[in-house]
Amino acid sequence: MATPEPIRRFVEATNAGDTEAFLGTFTDDALLSDWGRSFQGREQIARWNQSDNIGVKSHLRIVSITPADGTYRVRIAVTGDGFNGEGDMTFTLDDDRIVSLVIT
């Protein structure tokens, strides 16, 4: 399946190290949950981005996408100066932005 636009932009912004574009993929009140640590809204997501994503030079590669009940479960391969390996990200979208992202 084709990668939904907000997810494609999320990956591209991360890989380019473009924090402004990365934050622009989320709604203002989006929720990001990373293994139980929750970040609500762009300001908190910006902190997560600095400590766990662009701030540690993460590079993302989509392995697979499975749509289910209005969400997309995306298997992601991550390399960089933080977590390295594969994991699942479940995205909930609202048109062209991410409403929630749950990382497990």
Protein backbone atom coordinates (compact mmCIF):
# COMPACT_ATOMS: atom_id res chain seq x y z
CA MET A 1 0.00 0.00 0.00
CA ALA A 2 1.06 3.59 -0.51
CA THR A 3 2.38 5.31 2.59
CA PRO A 4 -0.17 7.83 3.93
CA GLU A 5 1.10 11.39 3.45
CA PRO A 6 1.48 12.36 7.17
CA ILE A 7 3.48 9.19 7.87
CA ARG A 8 5.70 9.76 4.83
CA ARG A 9 6.35 13.35 6.00
CA PHE A 10 7.08 12.13 9.57
CA VAL A 11 9.76 9.75 8.27
CA GLU A 12 11.24 12.25 5.80
CA ALA A 13 11.43 15.05 8.38
CA THR A 14 13.12 12.74 10.89
CA ASN A 15 15.64 11.54 8.33
CA ALA A 16 16.37 15.11 7.22
CA GLY A 17 16.79 16.29 10.83
CA ASP A 18 14.08 18.92 10.18
CA THR A 19 12.46 19.58 13.56
CA GLU A 20 10.01 22.18 12.26
CA ALA A 21 8.71 19.85 9.53
CA PHE A 22 8.62 16.96 12.03
CA LEU A 23 6.47 18.91 14.52
CA GLY A 24 4.27 20.08 11.63
CA THR A 25 3.17 16.50 11.00
CA PHE A 26 1.24 16.51 14.32
CA THR A 27 -2.02 18.22 15.30
CA ASP A 28 -1.64 20.89 18.00
CA ASP A 29 -3.00 18.57 20.71
CA ALA A 30 -1.52 15.28 19.44
CA LEU A 31 -0.52 12.49 21.79
CA LEU A 32 2.73 10.56 21.49
CA SER A 33 3.21 7.52 23.71
CA ASP A 34 6.65 5.88 23.72
CA TRP A 35 6.58 2.63 25.69
CA GLY A 36 4.23 4.16 28.25
CA ARG A 37 5.86 7.61 28.43
CA SER A 38 3.21 10.09 27.23
CA PHE A 39 3.80 13.44 25.55
CA GLN A 40 0.74 15.65 24.89
CA GLY A 41 0.85 18.51 22.41
CA ARG A 42 3.61 19.81 20.16
CA GLU A 43 5.66 21.34 22.99
CA GLN A 44 6.02 18.00 24.80
CA ILE A 45 6.48 16.12 21.52
CA ALA A 46 9.31 18.56 20.74
CA ARG A 47 11.02 17.45 23.97
CA TRP A 48 10.63 13.77 22.98
CA ASN A 49 11.96 14.60 19.54
CA GLN A 50 15.08 16.14 21.07
CA SER A 51 15.75 13.27 23.49
CA ASP A 52 14.63 10.27 21.42
CA ASN A 53 14.42 11.13 17.72
CA ILE A 54 16.09 13.91 15.73
CA GLY A 55 18.19 14.84 18.77
CA VAL A 56 19.86 11.41 18.61
CA LYS A 57 20.16 11.44 14.79
CA SER A 58 17.53 8.75 14.24
CA HIS A 59 17.09 7.44 10.72
CA LEU A 60 13.82 5.66 9.99
CA ARG A 61 12.95 3.09 7.32
CA ILE A 62 9.43 1.75 6.87
CA VAL A 63 9.44 -2.05 6.85
CA SER A 64 5.66 -2.57 6.52
CA ILE A 65 2.33 -0.79 6.93
CA THR A 66 -0.88 -2.49 8.05
CA PRO A 67 -4.11 -0.45 8.10
CA ALA A 68 -6.60 -1.42 10.84
CA ASP A 69 -9.72 0.30 12.21
CA GLY A 70 -8.73 3.84 11.28
CA THR A 71 -5.10 3.42 12.35
CA TYR A 72 -1.92 2.37 10.62
CA ARG A 73 0.48 -0.04 12.29
CA VAL A 74 3.90 0.72 10.86
CA ARG A 75 6.91 -1.52 11.40
CA ILE A 76 9.93 0.81 11.50
CA ALA A 77 13.65 0.07 11.37
CA VAL A 78 15.59 2.67 13.37
CA THR A 79 19.30 3.50 13.33
CA GLY A 80 21.16 6.37 14.98
CA ASP A 81 22.71 7.36 18.30
CA GLY A 82 19.69 6.17 20.35
CA PHE A 83 17.53 3.08 19.89
CA ASN A 84 18.64 0.81 17.05
CA GLY A 85 16.42 -1.98 15.78
CA GLU A 86 12.84 -2.52 14.68
CA GLY A 87 9.68 -1.50 16.46
CA ASP A 88 6.01 -0.80 15.87
CA MET A 89 4.43 2.62 15.60
CA THR A 90 0.64 2.91 15.51
CA PHE A 91 -0.51 6.14 13.87
CA THR A 92 -3.98 7.66 14.08
CA LEU A 93 -4.47 10.34 11.42
CA ASP A 94 -6.81 13.29 10.98
CA ASP A 95 -6.67 14.17 7.30
CA ASP A 96 -3.12 15.43 6.79
CA ARG A 97 -1.78 15.28 10.39
CA ILE A 98 -1.01 12.78 13.11
CA VAL A 99 -3.48 12.79 16.04
CA SER A 100 -1.73 10.06 18.00
CA LEU A 101 1.39 7.95 17.74
CA VAL A 102 1.89 4.94 20.01
CA ILE A 103 5.36 3.36 19.96
CA THR A 104 5.68 -0.22 21.22
